[in-house]
Structure formats: C-alpha cells, structure tokens
Amino acid sequence: MGSATFFKSRIRPKGQVTIPSEIRSILDLKEGDDLIFHLDEKGRVIVDRARIIPPDQAWFWSEHWQQMEREVQADIDAGNVLEFDNIEDFIEYLDKVEDAKD
C-alpha cells in the first residue's frame, strides 16, 4: 500500500477550519469559493470545490445533452467528420446533399 500524505488543521470557534494551503492549491480554491461535503459508502468525509452552474447554462449539463456531447465526441474521435475551408463550400455541400434527396 502507498504512503498517504496528511495535513493538520484545528477547529476554531463556530466550527471554522483553515484548509491547508496544499489542499487549497489542489482544489484550486480561492477566497469566497463554496465547498461541498459528503460521506462516501465507507463513511469517509469527502470535500470538493462546488462548481456552480449558472441557470442559463444548466441545459448543457442535463443527461440528455451530455449523452449527445458524448456521441459527437465519439464521431470526432473516429474521424466521422467533414471539414470545409469556408462557409461557401459548406453551403455548396449542403445543397448537393439536399439535391440528392430529391
């Protein structure tokens, strides 16, 4: 088993704790950031930085949208994409596809 790294901190009045600088760096924490605490299946406390999603961007993080993002990335990774040098070439391609349907 590998060696673990430990950091010490002390609980102050009102439950305040100073987060060690090494942990703040790992989590990229800045003053004013929010933290999330939860318990894992073994009862351990997990601390992570809260990443707040603005309401006008929440749609992007829906499971449906994320599935579509994964499908697109799979197509890109497999090379199933077309590239065009300019918008005119792209429109010409679309016109040809539409004409082929007729």
C-alpha atoms as a PDB file:
ATOM      1  CA  MET A   1       0.000   0.000   0.000  1.00  0.00           C
ATOM      2  CA  GLY A   2       1.296   3.503  -0.878  1.00  0.00           C
ATOM      3  CA  SER A   3       2.095   6.102   1.717  1.00  0.00           C
ATOM      4  CA  ALA A   4      -0.564   8.710   2.438  1.00  0.00           C
ATOM      5  CA  THR A   5       0.001  12.416   2.852  1.00  0.00           C
ATOM      6  CA  PHE A   6      -1.646  14.091   5.823  1.00  0.00           C
ATOM      7  CA  PHE A   7      -2.358  17.728   6.627  1.00  0.00           C
ATOM      8  CA  LYS A   8      -3.381  19.018  10.056  1.00  0.00           C
ATOM      9  CA  SER A   9      -5.810  21.771  10.868  1.00  0.00           C
ATOM     10  CA  ARG A  10      -7.652  22.829  14.039  1.00  0.00           C
ATOM     11  CA  ILE A  11     -11.347  23.519  14.563  1.00  0.00           C
ATOM     12  CA  ARG A  12     -11.929  27.034  15.848  1.00  0.00           C
ATOM     13  CA  PRO A  13     -14.976  28.654  17.421  1.00  0.00           C
ATOM     14  CA  LYS A  14     -18.090  28.371  15.276  1.00  0.00           C
ATOM     15  CA  GLY A  15     -16.643  25.276  13.559  1.00  0.00           C
ATOM     16  CA  GLN A  16     -14.167  27.221  11.450  1.00  0.00           C
ATOM     17  CA  VAL A  17     -11.240  25.300   9.948  1.00  0.00           C
ATOM     18  CA  THR A  18      -8.291  26.616   7.974  1.00  0.00           C
ATOM     19  CA  ILE A  19      -7.834  24.492   4.882  1.00  0.00           C
ATOM     20  CA  PRO A  20      -4.140  23.713   4.400  1.00  0.00           C
ATOM     21  CA  SER A  21      -2.562  25.612   1.505  1.00  0.00           C
ATOM     22  CA  GLU A  22      -1.634  22.350  -0.259  1.00  0.00           C
ATOM     23  CA  ILE A  23      -5.295  21.300  -0.337  1.00  0.00           C
ATOM     24  CA  ARG A  24      -6.423  24.775  -1.436  1.00  0.00           C
ATOM     25  CA  SER A  25      -3.957  24.509  -4.308  1.00  0.00           C
ATOM     26  CA  ILE A  26      -5.067  21.006  -5.322  1.00  0.00           C
ATOM     27  CA  LEU A  27      -8.738  22.078  -5.330  1.00  0.00           C
ATOM     28  CA  ASP A  28      -7.894  25.460  -6.895  1.00  0.00           C
ATOM     29  CA  LEU A  29      -9.740  27.184  -4.043  1.00  0.00           C
ATOM     30  CA  LYS A  30      -9.991  30.936  -3.852  1.00  0.00           C
ATOM     31  CA  GLU A  31     -11.468  33.166  -1.159  1.00  0.00           C
ATOM     32  CA  GLY A  32     -15.252  33.096  -1.456  1.00  0.00           C
ATOM     33  CA  ASP A  33     -15.437  29.659  -3.121  1.00  0.00           C
ATOM     34  CA  ASP A  34     -18.068  27.234  -1.858  1.00  0.00           C
ATOM     35  CA  LEU A  35     -17.260  23.704  -0.703  1.00  0.00           C
ATOM     36  CA  ILE A  36     -19.327  20.534  -0.811  1.00  0.00           C
ATOM     37  CA  PHE A  37     -19.054  17.885   1.921  1.00  0.00           C
ATOM     38  CA  HIS A  38     -20.484  14.394   1.578  1.00  0.00           C
ATOM     39  CA  LEU A  39     -19.963  10.923   3.016  1.00  0.00           C
ATOM     40  CA  ASP A  40     -18.862   8.057   0.805  1.00  0.00           C
ATOM     41  CA  GLU A  41     -20.027   4.445   1.181  1.00  0.00           C
ATOM     42  CA  LYS A  42     -17.324   3.809   3.802  1.00  0.00           C
ATOM     43  CA  GLY A  43     -18.357   6.796   5.933  1.00  0.00           C
ATOM     44  CA  ARG A  44     -15.396   8.947   4.913  1.00  0.00           C
ATOM     45  CA  VAL A  45     -15.923  12.679   4.524  1.00  0.00           C
ATOM     46  CA  ILE A  46     -15.232  13.919   1.005  1.00  0.00           C
ATOM     47  CA  VAL A  47     -14.586  17.624   0.428  1.00  0.00           C
ATOM     48  CA  ASP A  48     -14.690  19.165  -3.015  1.00  0.00           C
ATOM     49  CA  ARG A  49     -14.998  22.574  -4.568  1.00  0.00           C
ATOM     50  CA  ALA A  50     -18.562  23.454  -5.545  1.00  0.00           C
ATOM     51  CA  ARG A  51     -18.850  24.337  -9.175  1.00  0.00           C
ATOM     52  CA  ILE A  52     -21.985  26.419  -9.501  1.00  0.00           C
ATOM     53  CA  ILE A  53     -23.678  26.262 -12.883  1.00  0.00           C
ATOM     54  CA  PRO A  54     -25.421  29.469 -13.944  1.00  0.00           C
ATOM     55  CA  PRO A  55     -29.151  28.785 -14.509  1.00  0.00           C
ATOM     56  CA  ASP A  56     -28.949  29.871 -18.144  1.00  0.00           C
ATOM     57  CA  GLN A  57     -26.348  27.135 -18.777  1.00  0.00           C
ATOM     58  CA  ALA A  58     -27.984  24.288 -16.828  1.00  0.00           C
ATOM     59  CA  TRP A  59     -29.471  22.750 -20.007  1.00  0.00           C
ATOM     60  CA  PHE A  60     -25.959  21.852 -21.182  1.00  0.00           C
ATOM     61  CA  TRP A  61     -25.383  19.663 -18.133  1.00  0.00           C
ATOM     62  CA  SER A  62     -28.616  17.660 -18.491  1.00  0.00           C
ATOM     63  CA  GLU A  63     -28.099  13.922 -19.026  1.00  0.00           C
ATOM     64  CA  HIS A  64     -29.732  14.151 -22.471  1.00  0.00           C
ATOM     65  CA  TRP A  65     -27.391  16.903 -23.641  1.00  0.00           C
ATOM     66  CA  GLN A  66     -24.313  15.227 -22.149  1.00  0.00           C
ATOM     67  CA  GLN A  67     -25.217  11.995 -23.993  1.00  0.00           C
ATOM     68  CA  MET A  68     -25.365  13.939 -27.242  1.00  0.00           C
ATOM     69  CA  GLU A  69     -21.973  15.501 -26.419  1.00  0.00           C
ATOM     70  CA  ARG A  70     -20.503  12.019 -25.870  1.00  0.00           C
ATOM     71  CA  GLU A  71     -21.900  10.827 -29.211  1.00  0.00           C
ATOM     72  CA  VAL A  72     -20.438  13.815 -31.033  1.00  0.00           C
ATOM     73  CA  GLN A  73     -17.051  13.313 -29.373  1.00  0.00           C
ATOM     74  CA  ALA A  74     -17.101   9.637 -30.397  1.00  0.00           C
ATOM     75  CA  ASP A  75     -17.733  10.684 -34.017  1.00  0.00           C
ATOM     76  CA  ILE A  76     -14.899  13.214 -33.864  1.00  0.00           C
ATOM     77  CA  ASP A  77     -12.547  10.643 -32.327  1.00  0.00           C
ATOM     78  CA  ALA A  78     -13.483   8.114 -35.045  1.00  0.00           C
ATOM     79  CA  GLY A  79     -12.891  10.662 -37.800  1.00  0.00           C
ATOM     80  CA  ASN A  80     -16.550  10.724 -38.859  1.00  0.00           C
ATOM     81  CA  VAL A  81     -16.489  14.454 -39.621  1.00  0.00           C
ATOM     82  CA  LEU A  82     -16.233  16.725 -42.642  1.00  0.00           C
ATOM     83  CA  GLU A  83     -14.175  19.891 -42.718  1.00  0.00           C
ATOM     84  CA  PHE A  84     -14.690  22.860 -45.010  1.00  0.00           C
ATOM     85  CA  ASP A  85     -12.342  25.726 -45.805  1.00  0.00           C
ATOM     86  CA  ASN A  86     -15.145  28.297 -45.824  1.00  0.00           C
ATOM     87  CA  ILE A  87     -18.880  28.748 -45.406  1.00  0.00           C
ATOM     88  CA  GLU A  88     -19.496  28.788 -49.158  1.00  0.00           C
ATOM     89  CA  ASP A  89     -18.037  25.281 -49.544  1.00  0.00           C
ATOM     90  CA  PHE A  90     -20.174  24.098 -46.644  1.00  0.00           C
ATOM     91  CA  ILE A  91     -23.368  25.542 -48.161  1.00  0.00           C
ATOM     92  CA  GLU A  92     -22.492  24.021 -51.548  1.00  0.00           C
ATOM     93  CA  TYR A  93     -22.104  20.619 -49.846  1.00  0.00           C
ATOM     94  CA  LEU A  94     -25.483  21.011 -48.104  1.00  0.00           C
ATOM     95  CA  ASP A  95     -27.131  21.968 -51.393  1.00  0.00           C
ATOM     96  CA  LYS A  96     -25.713  18.808 -53.035  1.00  0.00           C
ATOM     97  CA  VAL A  97     -26.973  16.655 -50.168  1.00  0.00           C
ATOM     98  CA  GLU A  98     -30.429  18.226 -50.456  1.00  0.00           C
ATOM     99  CA  ASP A  99     -30.462  17.768 -54.257  1.00  0.00           C
ATOM    100  CA  ALA A 100     -29.503  14.084 -53.836  1.00  0.00           C
ATOM    101  CA  LYS A 101     -32.574  13.572 -51.631  1.00  0.00           C
ATOM    102  CA  ASP A 102     -34.917  14.754 -54.406  1.00  0.00           C
END
